[in-house]
Amino acid sequence: MKDADHIMRGRIGGAQTFAATPRGMAAGLPRRRGRALVSAMAIVAAAMLGTAWAQLPPPQTAGGVEYITGGFGADMSEAFKAAESDYPLALVFAATDEGGGSRPYLADVSVVIKRGNGEVVMEVPSAGPYLLMRLEPGSYAVEATYMGKTQTHNVTVKEGGPTRQVMTWERP
């Protein structure tokens, strides 16, 4: 051995053993295996943490309110779901069958947000099934129109937690 900082090897009962030394070991594995294990763990962690935020579209502003919209595809959908907790109001747009079955996501929904007194806060089209907004706490009316059919839902945005409203339209 060149120095004491390398792997010390021995045999006990015919099986090769490794003793932990400062430079030659990672988690009790030979140096190459230890590095591979650490690299694999870093890749898995990056995949779990990075994909949810990496694919969000840039925020936009309407009526002084920041929002993001989109969410088609598995990665984008997961990214929007993960981001919901950062936005006080989350709207989700879906369609149902006549029997109330399948809920495919929708886009091209025209959305108007009004204060309780009827004042329009913002008016935006959705670019996907999710519309996340940074609205101030208060009561709002959400008017959403898809293929000429308008729905209105009253929502209350509270301090400290997101409000989620799912809006569905029956497919023709």
Protein backbone atom coordinates (compact mmCIF):
# COMPACT_ATOMS: atom_id res chain seq x y z
CA MET A 1 0.00 0.00 0.00
CA LYS A 2 1.19 3.46 -0.79
CA ASP A 3 -0.26 5.21 2.26
CA ALA A 4 -2.81 4.74 5.04
CA ASP A 5 -5.46 6.82 3.24
CA HIS A 6 -6.23 4.06 0.74
CA ILE A 7 -8.49 1.06 1.04
CA MET A 8 -7.24 -1.53 3.49
CA ARG A 9 -8.24 -4.99 2.26
CA GLY A 10 -8.26 -8.28 4.05
CA ARG A 11 -9.95 -11.64 4.14
CA ILE A 12 -12.15 -13.07 6.84
CA GLY A 13 -13.42 -16.59 6.28
CA GLY A 14 -12.56 -16.44 2.58
CA ALA A 15 -14.64 -13.27 1.94
CA GLN A 16 -12.96 -10.05 0.96
CA THR A 17 -13.49 -7.21 3.43
CA PHE A 18 -12.95 -3.49 3.26
CA ALA A 19 -12.03 -1.27 6.16
CA ALA A 20 -13.21 2.33 6.17
CA THR A 21 -10.37 4.77 5.60
CA PRO A 22 -10.58 8.51 4.95
CA ARG A 23 -9.95 8.63 1.19
CA GLY A 24 -10.73 5.17 -0.04
CA MET A 25 -14.29 4.68 1.08
CA ALA A 26 -17.78 6.05 0.68
CA ALA A 27 -20.47 4.47 2.82
CA GLY A 28 -18.30 1.38 3.38
CA LEU A 29 -18.06 0.58 -0.34
CA PRO A 30 -14.97 0.49 -2.51
CA ARG A 31 -14.10 3.91 -3.93
CA ARG A 32 -15.56 3.29 -7.42
CA ARG A 33 -18.82 1.88 -6.10
CA GLY A 34 -19.10 4.66 -3.53
CA ARG A 35 -18.70 7.35 -6.19
CA ALA A 36 -21.25 5.63 -8.43
CA LEU A 37 -23.71 5.42 -5.54
CA VAL A 38 -23.28 9.09 -4.66
CA SER A 39 -23.66 10.07 -8.34
CA ALA A 40 -26.82 7.97 -8.70
CA MET A 41 -28.32 9.50 -5.55
CA ALA A 42 -27.56 13.01 -6.85
CA ILE A 43 -29.25 12.26 -10.17
CA VAL A 44 -32.36 10.86 -8.47
CA ALA A 45 -32.57 13.87 -6.13
CA ALA A 46 -32.19 16.30 -9.01
CA ALA A 47 -34.89 14.51 -10.99
CA MET A 48 -37.30 14.55 -8.05
CA LEU A 49 -36.71 18.17 -7.12
CA GLY A 50 -35.84 19.78 -10.42
CA THR A 51 -38.52 18.64 -12.84
CA ALA A 52 -41.40 20.10 -10.87
CA TRP A 53 -40.06 23.66 -11.08
CA ALA A 54 -37.91 23.57 -14.19
CA GLN A 55 -40.80 23.43 -16.62
CA LEU A 56 -43.13 26.14 -15.38
CA PRO A 57 -43.75 28.92 -17.88
CA PRO A 58 -42.62 32.42 -16.93
CA PRO A 59 -45.12 34.42 -14.85
CA GLN A 60 -47.30 36.97 -16.63
CA THR A 61 -49.26 39.92 -15.25
CA ALA A 62 -52.83 41.08 -15.91
CA GLY A 63 -54.53 43.84 -13.94
CA GLY A 64 -51.54 43.93 -11.60
CA VAL A 65 -51.96 40.23 -10.72
CA GLU A 66 -49.16 37.74 -11.41
CA TYR A 67 -50.27 34.43 -12.92
CA ILE A 68 -49.06 31.35 -14.76
CA THR A 69 -51.09 29.12 -17.06
CA GLY A 70 -50.47 25.84 -18.85
CA GLY A 71 -50.04 22.32 -17.60
CA PHE A 72 -50.48 19.85 -20.46
CA GLY A 73 -48.39 16.68 -20.26
CA ALA A 74 -47.40 14.67 -17.21
CA ASP A 75 -44.31 16.74 -16.33
CA MET A 76 -46.08 20.07 -16.73
CA SER A 77 -49.10 18.86 -14.79
CA GLU A 78 -46.88 17.76 -11.90
CA ALA A 79 -45.02 21.07 -12.03
CA PHE A 80 -48.28 23.03 -11.74
CA LYS A 81 -49.57 20.82 -8.93
CA ALA A 82 -46.33 21.38 -7.02
CA ALA A 83 -46.55 25.15 -7.60
CA GLU A 84 -50.18 25.46 -6.41
CA SER A 85 -49.10 26.04 -2.80
CA ASP A 86 -47.25 29.21 -3.89
CA TYR A 87 -50.32 30.78 -5.48
CA PRO A 88 -53.38 31.86 -3.47
CA LEU A 89 -55.86 30.82 -6.21
CA ALA A 90 -55.59 27.76 -8.47
CA LEU A 91 -58.16 27.08 -11.18
CA VAL A 92 -58.28 23.72 -12.98
CA PHE A 93 -60.31 23.22 -16.18
CA ALA A 94 -61.60 19.80 -17.27
CA ALA A 95 -64.31 18.12 -19.35
CA THR A 96 -66.60 15.23 -18.45
CA ASP A 97 -68.45 12.61 -20.50
CA GLU A 98 -72.23 12.45 -20.47
CA GLY A 99 -71.94 9.83 -17.72
CA GLY A 100 -69.63 12.05 -15.67
CA GLY A 101 -66.64 9.80 -16.45
CA SER A 102 -63.28 10.78 -17.93
CA ARG A 103 -61.90 14.20 -17.01
CA PRO A 104 -59.57 15.30 -19.78
CA TYR A 105 -58.00 18.67 -19.26
CA LEU A 106 -59.08 21.76 -21.22
CA ALA A 107 -57.39 24.89 -22.53
CA ASP A 108 -58.62 28.06 -24.22
CA VAL A 109 -60.91 28.93 -21.33
CA SER A 110 -61.59 32.67 -21.06
CA VAL A 111 -61.40 33.74 -17.42
CA VAL A 112 -62.64 36.93 -15.77
CA ILE A 113 -61.95 37.51 -12.06
CA LYS A 114 -64.16 40.07 -10.30
CA ARG A 115 -64.14 41.46 -6.78
CA GLY A 116 -67.26 41.10 -4.65
CA ASN A 117 -68.40 44.58 -5.82
CA GLY A 118 -68.25 43.52 -9.50
CA GLU A 119 -64.98 45.32 -10.33
CA VAL A 120 -62.93 43.34 -12.88
CA VAL A 121 -59.56 42.42 -11.40
CA MET A 122 -58.19 40.52 -14.38
CA GLU A 123 -59.24 38.96 -17.66
CA VAL A 124 -57.05 36.24 -19.19
CA PRO A 125 -57.23 33.21 -21.49
CA SER A 126 -55.92 29.89 -20.16
CA ALA A 127 -53.10 28.30 -22.12
CA GLY A 128 -53.75 24.96 -20.44
CA PRO A 129 -55.77 23.27 -17.73
CA TYR A 130 -54.14 25.23 -14.87
CA LEU A 131 -54.36 28.90 -14.05
CA LEU A 132 -52.49 29.91 -10.89
CA MET A 133 -52.89 33.49 -9.62
CA ARG A 134 -51.37 35.62 -6.88
CA LEU A 135 -54.59 37.30 -5.78
CA GLU A 136 -54.86 39.19 -2.50
CA PRO A 137 -57.11 37.69 0.19
CA GLY A 138 -60.78 38.44 -0.41
CA SER A 139 -63.98 37.28 -2.10
CA TYR A 140 -64.05 36.94 -5.86
CA ALA A 141 -66.36 35.78 -8.63
CA VAL A 142 -64.68 33.58 -11.24
CA GLU A 143 -66.37 33.63 -14.64
CA ALA A 144 -64.97 31.01 -16.98
CA THR A 145 -66.15 30.46 -20.55
CA TYR A 146 -65.40 27.42 -22.68
CA MET A 147 -66.95 26.89 -26.12
CA GLY A 148 -69.60 29.55 -25.43
CA LYS A 149 -70.67 28.10 -22.06
CA THR A 150 -69.99 30.30 -19.04
CA GLN A 151 -69.77 29.20 -15.42
CA THR A 152 -69.54 31.48 -12.41
CA HIS A 153 -68.10 30.35 -9.08
CA ASN A 154 -67.65 32.44 -5.96
CA VAL A 155 -64.32 31.81 -4.24
CA THR A 156 -62.71 33.13 -1.09
CA VAL A 157 -58.97 33.57 -1.13
CA LYS A 158 -57.60 33.31 2.39
CA GLU A 159 -54.33 34.40 3.93
CA GLY A 160 -51.75 31.64 4.27
CA GLY A 161 -53.17 28.89 2.08
CA PRO A 162 -54.18 28.21 -1.49
CA THR A 163 -57.77 28.01 -2.72
CA ARG A 164 -58.41 25.47 -5.49
CA GLN A 165 -61.43 25.53 -7.78
CA VAL A 166 -62.01 22.79 -10.36
CA MET A 167 -64.34 23.80 -13.18
CA THR A 168 -65.77 21.16 -15.50
CA TRP A 169 -67.76 21.32 -18.72
CA GLU A 170 -69.69 18.47 -20.27
CA ARG A 171 -68.28 17.48 -23.63
CA PRO A 172 -70.74 17.72 -26.53
